[in-house]
Amino acid sequence: MTAAVGLPCLRLLREGIGAFPLGDLPIGEWKELTPEERASVFAR
């Protein structure tokens, strides 16, 4: 997407998704949201 406008991207760093930090979650892995995390998603 950035290359399409002439701005090549050499590296992307993902630190979190929305209000959820990824911490030490390995690449390609996932985690189940806690009930509190789920409630915060659906409360919006």
PDB file of N, CA and C in Angstrom:
ATOM      1  N   MET A   1       0.819  -1.178   0.000  1.00  0.00           N
ATOM      2  CA  MET A   1       0.000   0.000   0.000  1.00  0.00           C
ATOM      3  C   MET A   1       0.871   1.252   0.000  1.00  0.00           C
ATOM      4  N   THR A   2       1.918   1.262   0.808  1.00  0.00           N
ATOM      5  CA  THR A   2       2.761   2.461   0.828  1.00  0.00           C
ATOM      6  C   THR A   2       3.579   2.587  -0.455  1.00  0.00           C
ATOM      7  N   ALA A   3       3.991   1.453  -1.032  1.00  0.00           N
ATOM      8  CA  ALA A   3       4.751   1.497  -2.277  1.00  0.00           C
ATOM      9  C   ALA A   3       3.916   2.071  -3.412  1.00  0.00           C
ATOM     10  N   ALA A   4       2.612   1.881  -3.371  1.00  0.00           N
ATOM     11  CA  ALA A   4       1.725   2.391  -4.421  1.00  0.00           C
ATOM     12  C   ALA A   4       1.749   3.913  -4.490  1.00  0.00           C
ATOM     13  N   VAL A   5       2.087   4.568  -3.388  1.00  0.00           N
ATOM     14  CA  VAL A   5       2.162   6.028  -3.382  1.00  0.00           C
ATOM     15  C   VAL A   5       3.602   6.530  -3.339  1.00  0.00           C
ATOM     16  N   GLY A   6       4.545   5.610  -3.637  1.00  0.00           N
ATOM     17  CA  GLY A   6       5.942   6.003  -3.719  1.00  0.00           C
ATOM     18  C   GLY A   6       6.696   6.015  -2.407  1.00  0.00           C
ATOM     19  N   LEU A   7       6.168   5.386  -1.385  1.00  0.00           N
ATOM     20  CA  LEU A   7       6.826   5.333  -0.077  1.00  0.00           C
ATOM     21  C   LEU A   7       7.059   3.871   0.311  1.00  0.00           C
ATOM     22  N   PRO A   8       8.173   3.286  -0.112  1.00  0.00           N
ATOM     23  CA  PRO A   8       8.399   1.877   0.192  1.00  0.00           C
ATOM     24  C   PRO A   8       8.526   1.638   1.695  1.00  0.00           C
ATOM     25  N   CYS A   9       8.015   0.531   2.136  1.00  0.00           N
ATOM     26  CA  CYS A   9       8.071   0.149   3.553  1.00  0.00           C
ATOM     27  C   CYS A   9       9.095  -0.965   3.697  1.00  0.00           C
ATOM     28  N   LEU A  10      10.092  -0.750   4.524  1.00  0.00           N
ATOM     29  CA  LEU A  10      11.130  -1.751   4.713  1.00  0.00           C
ATOM     30  C   LEU A  10      10.816  -2.717   5.851  1.00  0.00           C
ATOM     31  N   ARG A  11      10.018  -2.246   6.825  1.00  0.00           N
ATOM     32  CA  ARG A  11       9.725  -3.096   7.977  1.00  0.00           C
ATOM     33  C   ARG A  11       8.462  -2.592   8.673  1.00  0.00           C
ATOM     34  N   LEU A  12       7.626  -3.507   9.106  1.00  0.00           N
ATOM     35  CA  LEU A  12       6.445  -3.166   9.892  1.00  0.00           C
ATOM     36  C   LEU A  12       6.599  -3.751  11.289  1.00  0.00           C
ATOM     37  N   LEU A  13       6.274  -2.977  12.284  1.00  0.00           N
ATOM     38  CA  LEU A  13       6.301  -3.448  13.664  1.00  0.00           C
ATOM     39  C   LEU A  13       4.904  -3.339  14.239  1.00  0.00           C
ATOM     40  N   ARG A  14       4.340  -4.462  14.669  1.00  0.00           N
ATOM     41  CA  ARG A  14       3.017  -4.444  15.275  1.00  0.00           C
ATOM     42  C   ARG A  14       3.178  -4.599  16.778  1.00  0.00           C
ATOM     43  N   GLU A  15       2.780  -3.586  17.513  1.00  0.00           N
ATOM     44  CA  GLU A  15       2.930  -3.599  18.965  1.00  0.00           C
ATOM     45  C   GLU A  15       1.640  -3.952  19.686  1.00  0.00           C
ATOM     46  N   GLY A  16       0.514  -3.761  19.023  1.00  0.00           N
ATOM     47  CA  GLY A  16      -0.752  -4.075  19.643  1.00  0.00           C
ATOM     48  C   GLY A  16      -1.863  -4.016  18.624  1.00  0.00           C
ATOM     49  N   ILE A  17      -3.001  -4.516  19.023  1.00  0.00           N
ATOM     50  CA  ILE A  17      -4.185  -4.457  18.191  1.00  0.00           C
ATOM     51  C   ILE A  17      -5.250  -3.746  19.015  1.00  0.00           C
ATOM     52  N   GLY A  18      -5.608  -2.539  18.589  1.00  0.00           N
ATOM     53  CA  GLY A  18      -6.553  -1.750  19.364  1.00  0.00           C
ATOM     54  C   GLY A  18      -6.002  -1.469  20.750  1.00  0.00           C
ATOM     55  N   ALA A  19      -6.789  -1.785  21.755  1.00  0.00           N
ATOM     56  CA  ALA A  19      -6.387  -1.528  23.142  1.00  0.00           C
ATOM     57  C   ALA A  19      -5.610  -2.689  23.753  1.00  0.00           C
ATOM     58  N   PHE A  20      -5.272  -3.698  22.945  1.00  0.00           N
ATOM     59  CA  PHE A  20      -4.631  -4.895  23.466  1.00  0.00           C
ATOM     60  C   PHE A  20      -3.160  -4.961  23.046  1.00  0.00           C
ATOM     61  N   PRO A  21      -2.238  -4.756  23.979  1.00  0.00           N
ATOM     62  CA  PRO A  21      -0.815  -4.881  23.648  1.00  0.00           C
ATOM     63  C   PRO A  21      -0.478  -6.349  23.381  1.00  0.00           C
ATOM     64  N   LEU A  22       0.450  -6.595  22.472  1.00  0.00           N
ATOM     65  CA  LEU A  22       0.818  -7.967  22.136  1.00  0.00           C
ATOM     66  C   LEU A  22       1.859  -8.546  23.081  1.00  0.00           C
ATOM     67  N   GLY A  23       2.606  -7.678  23.753  1.00  0.00           N
ATOM     68  CA  GLY A  23       3.593  -8.164  24.726  1.00  0.00           C
ATOM     69  C   GLY A  23       4.560  -9.146  24.093  1.00  0.00           C
ATOM     70  N   ASP A  24       4.703 -10.326  24.698  1.00  0.00           N
ATOM     71  CA  ASP A  24       5.653 -11.318  24.203  1.00  0.00           C
ATOM     72  C   ASP A  24       4.986 -12.400  23.357  1.00  0.00           C
ATOM     73  N   LEU A  25       3.820 -12.109  22.790  1.00  0.00           N
ATOM     74  CA  LEU A  25       3.114 -13.069  21.951  1.00  0.00           C
ATOM     75  C   LEU A  25       3.940 -13.332  20.692  1.00  0.00           C
ATOM     76  N   PRO A  26       4.330 -14.591  20.450  1.00  0.00           N
ATOM     77  CA  PRO A  26       5.160 -14.895  19.279  1.00  0.00           C
ATOM     78  C   PRO A  26       4.419 -14.639  17.966  1.00  0.00           C
ATOM     79  N   ILE A  27       5.185 -14.396  16.913  1.00  0.00           N
ATOM     80  CA  ILE A  27       4.622 -14.175  15.579  1.00  0.00           C
ATOM     81  C   ILE A  27       3.806 -15.392  15.179  1.00  0.00           C
ATOM     82  N   GLY A  28       2.614 -15.148  14.671  1.00  0.00           N
ATOM     83  CA  GLY A  28       1.751 -16.225  14.202  1.00  0.00           C
ATOM     84  C   GLY A  28       0.917 -16.882  15.282  1.00  0.00           C
ATOM     85  N   GLU A  29       1.122 -16.518  16.517  1.00  0.00           N
ATOM     86  CA  GLU A  29       0.363 -17.107  17.624  1.00  0.00           C
ATOM     87  C   GLU A  29      -0.831 -16.233  17.965  1.00  0.00           C
ATOM     88  N   TRP A  30      -1.746 -16.753  18.744  1.00  0.00           N
ATOM     89  CA  TRP A  30      -2.929 -16.018  19.168  1.00  0.00           C
ATOM     90  C   TRP A  30      -3.225 -16.371  20.616  1.00  0.00           C
ATOM     91  N   LYS A  31      -4.075 -15.578  21.224  1.00  0.00           N
ATOM     92  CA  LYS A  31      -4.498 -15.889  22.594  1.00  0.00           C
ATOM     93  C   LYS A  31      -5.987 -15.614  22.733  1.00  0.00           C
ATOM     94  N   GLU A  32      -6.604 -16.368  23.587  1.00  0.00           N
ATOM     95  CA  GLU A  32      -8.028 -16.190  23.878  1.00  0.00           C
ATOM     96  C   GLU A  32      -8.178 -14.945  24.746  1.00  0.00           C
ATOM     97  N   LEU A  33      -9.171 -14.119  24.440  1.00  0.00           N
ATOM     98  CA  LEU A  33      -9.418 -12.937  25.269  1.00  0.00           C
ATOM     99  C   LEU A  33     -10.046 -13.363  26.590  1.00  0.00           C
ATOM    100  N   THR A  34      -9.686 -12.658  27.637  1.00  0.00           N
ATOM    101  CA  THR A  34     -10.302 -12.912  28.935  1.00  0.00           C
ATOM    102  C   THR A  34     -11.732 -12.377  28.904  1.00  0.00           C
ATOM    103  N   PRO A  35     -12.581 -12.793  29.828  1.00  0.00           N
ATOM    104  CA  PRO A  35     -13.940 -12.245  29.870  1.00  0.00           C
ATOM    105  C   PRO A  35     -13.949 -10.714  29.978  1.00  0.00           C
ATOM    106  N   GLU A  36     -12.995 -10.156  30.722  1.00  0.00           N
ATOM    107  CA  GLU A  36     -12.939  -8.700  30.861  1.00  0.00           C
ATOM    108  C   GLU A  36     -12.555  -8.042  29.532  1.00  0.00           C
ATOM    109  N   GLU A  37     -11.608  -8.649  28.818  1.00  0.00           N
ATOM    110  CA  GLU A  37     -11.207  -8.103  27.513  1.00  0.00           C
ATOM    111  C   GLU A  37     -12.363  -8.174  26.515  1.00  0.00           C
ATOM    112  N   ARG A  38     -13.060  -9.306  26.511  1.00  0.00           N
ATOM    113  CA  ARG A  38     -14.231  -9.466  25.625  1.00  0.00           C
ATOM    114  C   ARG A  38     -15.287  -8.413  25.936  1.00  0.00           C
ATOM    115  N   ALA A  39     -15.543  -8.186  27.206  1.00  0.00           N
ATOM    116  CA  ALA A  39     -16.551  -7.211  27.606  1.00  0.00           C
ATOM    117  C   ALA A  39     -16.157  -5.816  27.133  1.00  0.00           C
ATOM    118  N   SER A  40     -14.861  -5.493  27.193  1.00  0.00           N
ATOM    119  CA  SER A  40     -14.429  -4.163  26.756  1.00  0.00           C
ATOM    120  C   SER A  40     -14.591  -3.983  25.241  1.00  0.00           C
ATOM    121  N   VAL A  41     -14.448  -5.058  24.477  1.00  0.00           N
ATOM    122  CA  VAL A  41     -14.634  -4.991  23.030  1.00  0.00           C
ATOM    123  C   VAL A  41     -16.108  -4.725  22.700  1.00  0.00           C
ATOM    124  N   PHE A  42     -16.992  -5.441  23.338  1.00  0.00           N
ATOM    125  CA  PHE A  42     -18.414  -5.343  23.010  1.00  0.00           C
ATOM    126  C   PHE A  42     -19.111  -4.178  23.705  1.00  0.00           C
ATOM    127  N   ALA A  43     -18.418  -3.490  24.613  1.00  0.00           N
ATOM    128  CA  ALA A  43     -19.017  -2.356  25.307  1.00  0.00           C
ATOM    129  C   ALA A  43     -18.985  -1.087  24.463  1.00  0.00           C
ATOM    130  N   ARG A  44     -18.262  -1.091  23.351  1.00  0.00           N
ATOM    131  CA  ARG A  44     -18.102   0.119  22.529  1.00  0.00           C
ATOM    132  C   ARG A  44     -19.264   0.334  21.631  1.00  0.00           C
TER     133      ARG A  44
END
